[in-house]
């Protein structure tokens, strides 16, 4: 009789232990799923960068991601109309745009003068004018000439080729000419006024 009672008690204890383990697993599974779902939501809730329009007083317009930092060089050379740089706080590399006076009208002459021998060259459109694009020294360069003006767009890829290639494509596709008269002139570089996110202190930084 005692042996039977012992067996019954043993079975009851084993059943209770098994039930507790099973219940604990059921409780843990939703928590893990919830943690995974939280991670997914966190990634999805991170907003993608929006685009920002920039109008330059030299007469062109571009659209670029607002998570990039634009630095506009304070011009000291009268032959340079505009020079600016786009950089990322997270990725190495940069993209520069330079507008300057030039007597060159032919890309082959430009290659000769600059002692550059690129491999493959692509003929593309920059706004409504012809441009030549080529890759050299891990940089994508786009050169165009228009009425005594040389336009240079250079993407320095560094270790982020895919990232800066996409930025370069966006700048090229969004580049367009505007009437300089319609672009509001920035305040004097001697002023420390912060106007619409622009700081003029030797260099103009647009955030």
Protein backbone atom coordinates (compact mmCIF):
# COMPACT_ATOMS: atom_id res chain seq x y z
CA UNK A 1 0.00 0.00 0.00
CA UNK A 2 2.76 2.39 0.93
CA UNK A 3 4.53 1.48 -2.30
CA UNK A 4 1.43 2.35 -4.33
CA UNK A 5 1.06 5.72 -2.56
CA UNK A 6 4.73 6.50 -3.24
CA UNK A 7 4.32 5.68 -6.93
CA UNK A 8 1.21 7.86 -7.18
CA UNK A 9 2.94 10.77 -5.44
CA UNK A 10 5.95 10.38 -7.74
CA UNK A 11 3.73 10.50 -10.81
CA UNK A 12 1.94 13.60 -9.48
CA UNK A 13 5.26 15.38 -8.80
CA UNK A 14 6.62 14.47 -12.24
CA UNK A 15 3.39 15.71 -13.87
CA UNK A 16 3.61 19.02 -11.98
CA UNK A 17 7.25 19.51 -13.00
CA UNK A 18 6.43 18.72 -16.66
CA UNK A 19 3.46 21.11 -16.61
CA UNK A 20 5.60 23.91 -15.13
CA UNK A 21 8.33 23.45 -17.79
CA UNK A 22 5.75 23.42 -20.59
CA UNK A 23 4.03 26.54 -19.23
CA UNK A 24 7.36 28.37 -18.93
CA UNK A 25 8.17 27.64 -22.58
CA UNK A 26 4.78 28.97 -23.65
CA UNK A 27 5.43 32.17 -21.71
CA UNK A 28 8.95 32.63 -23.13
CA UNK A 29 7.99 32.20 -26.79
CA UNK A 30 5.75 35.29 -27.07
CA UNK A 31 8.43 37.35 -25.33
CA UNK A 32 11.03 36.33 -27.93
CA UNK A 33 8.60 37.04 -30.75
CA UNK A 34 7.81 40.38 -29.20
CA UNK A 35 11.52 41.24 -28.98
CA UNK A 36 12.01 40.34 -32.64
CA UNK A 37 8.98 42.36 -33.66
CA UNK A 38 10.29 45.32 -31.65
CA UNK A 39 13.59 45.15 -33.54
CA UNK A 40 11.77 45.06 -36.88
CA UNK A 41 9.57 47.99 -35.91
CA UNK A 42 12.61 49.92 -34.73
CA UNK A 43 14.32 49.46 -38.08
CA UNK A 44 11.18 50.26 -40.06
CA UNK A 45 10.44 53.35 -37.96
CA UNK A 46 13.81 54.91 -38.82
CA UNK A 47 12.83 57.60 -41.33
CA UNK A 48 14.53 57.53 -44.73
CA UNK A 49 16.35 60.73 -45.67
CA UNK A 50 14.21 63.24 -47.51
CA UNK A 51 15.44 65.43 -50.33
CA UNK A 52 16.44 69.05 -50.11
CA UNK A 53 16.60 71.57 -52.94
CA UNK A 54 19.55 73.92 -53.30
CA UNK A 55 19.65 76.94 -55.62
CA UNK A 56 23.04 78.45 -56.31
CA UNK A 57 23.48 82.13 -57.12
CA UNK A 58 25.72 81.18 -60.06
CA UNK A 59 22.64 79.81 -61.81
CA UNK A 60 22.03 76.12 -61.12
CA UNK A 61 19.85 73.92 -58.95
CA UNK A 62 20.31 70.45 -57.45
CA UNK A 63 18.36 68.12 -55.17
CA UNK A 64 20.26 66.13 -52.56
CA UNK A 65 19.46 64.02 -49.44
CA UNK A 66 19.04 66.18 -46.34
CA UNK A 67 21.28 63.88 -44.28
CA UNK A 68 24.29 65.18 -46.21
CA UNK A 69 26.23 68.28 -45.16
CA UNK A 70 26.84 70.92 -47.82
CA UNK A 71 29.84 73.23 -47.51
CA UNK A 72 30.06 76.19 -49.87
CA UNK A 73 33.56 77.57 -50.36
CA UNK A 74 34.12 81.28 -49.94
CA UNK A 75 35.28 82.24 -53.45
CA UNK A 76 38.52 84.24 -53.80
CA UNK A 77 39.24 83.47 -57.48
CA UNK A 78 37.15 85.63 -59.82
CA UNK A 79 37.21 82.84 -62.43
CA UNK A 80 35.37 80.50 -60.08
CA UNK A 81 31.65 81.20 -59.80
CA UNK A 82 30.73 78.48 -57.33
CA UNK A 83 32.37 75.61 -55.49
CA UNK A 84 30.60 73.38 -53.01
CA UNK A 85 31.04 70.01 -51.34
CA UNK A 86 28.63 67.36 -50.10
CA UNK A 87 29.79 65.06 -47.31
CA UNK A 88 28.29 62.47 -44.98
CA UNK A 89 28.77 62.30 -41.22
CA UNK A 90 28.55 58.51 -41.38
CA UNK A 91 30.36 57.51 -44.58
CA UNK A 92 33.75 58.46 -46.00
CA UNK A 93 33.85 60.05 -49.44
CA UNK A 94 32.40 63.25 -50.84
CA UNK A 95 30.93 64.93 -53.90
CA UNK A 96 32.11 68.30 -55.19
CA UNK A 97 30.58 70.67 -57.72
CA UNK A 98 32.62 73.43 -59.33
CA UNK A 99 31.51 76.10 -61.79
CA UNK A 100 34.25 78.21 -63.35
CA UNK A 101 35.16 80.25 -66.41
CA UNK A 102 37.02 78.30 -69.09
CA UNK A 103 38.25 78.71 -72.65
CA UNK A 104 38.05 74.95 -73.20
CA UNK A 105 35.14 73.71 -75.29
CA UNK A 106 36.27 70.18 -76.10
CA UNK A 107 36.64 67.30 -73.65
CA UNK A 108 39.67 65.87 -75.46
CA UNK A 109 41.50 69.18 -75.03
CA UNK A 110 40.51 69.11 -71.36
CA UNK A 111 42.03 65.64 -70.98
CA UNK A 112 45.24 66.82 -72.65
CA UNK A 113 45.57 69.97 -70.57
CA UNK A 114 44.87 68.11 -67.32
CA UNK A 115 47.08 65.17 -68.36
CA UNK A 116 44.31 62.66 -67.80
CA UNK A 117 43.93 59.41 -69.73
CA UNK A 118 40.64 57.84 -68.69
CA UNK A 119 39.53 54.43 -69.86
CA UNK A 120 35.85 54.20 -70.61
CA UNK A 121 34.04 57.49 -71.27
CA UNK A 122 30.26 57.90 -71.30
CA UNK A 123 28.41 60.68 -73.03
CA UNK A 124 25.50 61.81 -70.86
CA UNK A 125 23.20 64.79 -70.43
CA UNK A 126 23.66 67.34 -67.67
CA UNK A 127 20.41 69.27 -67.70
CA UNK A 128 20.13 70.15 -71.40
CA UNK A 129 23.82 70.11 -72.34
CA UNK A 130 26.26 67.34 -73.29
CA UNK A 131 28.63 66.05 -70.64
CA UNK A 132 31.33 63.40 -70.40
CA UNK A 133 31.49 61.02 -67.45
CA UNK A 134 34.42 58.75 -66.62
CA UNK A 135 35.96 56.93 -63.66
CA UNK A 136 39.57 57.44 -62.59
CA UNK A 137 41.42 57.01 -59.27
CA UNK A 138 38.24 55.71 -57.58
CA UNK A 139 36.36 58.87 -58.58
CA UNK A 140 33.43 59.42 -60.91
CA UNK A 141 34.01 62.68 -62.79
CA UNK A 142 31.48 64.51 -64.94
CA UNK A 143 32.69 67.40 -67.10
CA UNK A 144 30.56 69.73 -69.23
CA UNK A 145 31.14 73.00 -71.12
CA UNK A 146 28.61 75.70 -71.88
CA UNK A 147 29.20 79.21 -73.22
CA UNK A 148 32.62 79.74 -71.64
CA UNK A 149 31.71 77.86 -68.47
CA UNK A 150 33.19 74.59 -67.22
CA UNK A 151 31.05 72.45 -64.95
CA UNK A 152 32.77 69.77 -62.92
CA UNK A 153 31.02 67.21 -60.70
CA UNK A 154 33.32 64.75 -58.92
CA UNK A 155 32.23 61.91 -56.63
CA UNK A 156 35.12 60.65 -54.49
CA UNK A 157 33.94 57.12 -53.71
CA UNK A 158 36.49 56.08 -51.04
CA UNK A 159 35.25 52.81 -49.43
CA UNK A 160 31.57 53.56 -50.17
CA UNK A 161 31.29 53.08 -53.92
CA UNK A 162 27.62 52.12 -54.03
CA UNK A 163 26.55 54.95 -51.70
CA UNK A 164 28.34 57.78 -53.53
CA UNK A 165 27.47 56.37 -56.95
CA UNK A 166 23.79 56.74 -56.04
CA UNK A 167 24.36 60.27 -54.71
CA UNK A 168 26.21 61.15 -57.91
CA UNK A 169 23.34 59.84 -60.03
CA UNK A 170 20.85 61.90 -58.03
CA UNK A 171 22.90 65.08 -58.41
CA UNK A 172 23.39 64.52 -62.16
CA UNK A 173 19.70 63.79 -62.78
CA UNK A 174 18.47 66.73 -60.67
CA UNK A 175 21.00 69.29 -61.97
CA UNK A 176 19.30 72.09 -63.89
CA UNK A 177 20.02 75.68 -64.83
CA UNK A 178 18.06 78.56 -63.32
CA UNK A 179 18.06 82.29 -63.88
CA UNK A 180 20.56 83.74 -61.36
CA UNK A 181 18.21 86.70 -60.91
CA UNK A 182 15.64 84.41 -59.33
CA UNK A 183 18.09 83.15 -56.71
CA UNK A 184 18.17 85.18 -53.52
CA UNK A 185 21.65 86.53 -52.85
CA UNK A 186 23.16 85.31 -49.55
CA UNK A 187 24.12 87.85 -46.88
CA UNK A 188 27.69 89.12 -46.67
CA UNK A 189 30.29 86.56 -45.54
CA UNK A 190 31.29 89.03 -42.80
CA UNK A 191 27.92 88.53 -41.18
CA UNK A 192 27.35 85.81 -38.59
CA UNK A 193 23.64 85.72 -39.30
CA UNK A 194 22.13 82.27 -39.49
CA UNK A 195 19.55 82.47 -42.28
CA UNK A 196 17.51 79.34 -43.02
CA UNK A 197 20.21 76.98 -41.82
CA UNK A 198 23.11 78.72 -43.56
CA UNK A 199 26.13 79.94 -41.63
CA UNK A 200 28.47 82.37 -43.35
CA UNK A 201 31.88 82.41 -41.67
CA UNK A 202 34.54 82.13 -44.35
CA UNK A 203 32.77 79.00 -45.50
CA UNK A 204 29.02 78.63 -45.87
CA UNK A 205 27.65 75.46 -44.35
CA UNK A 206 24.18 74.33 -45.26
CA UNK A 207 22.75 71.67 -43.01
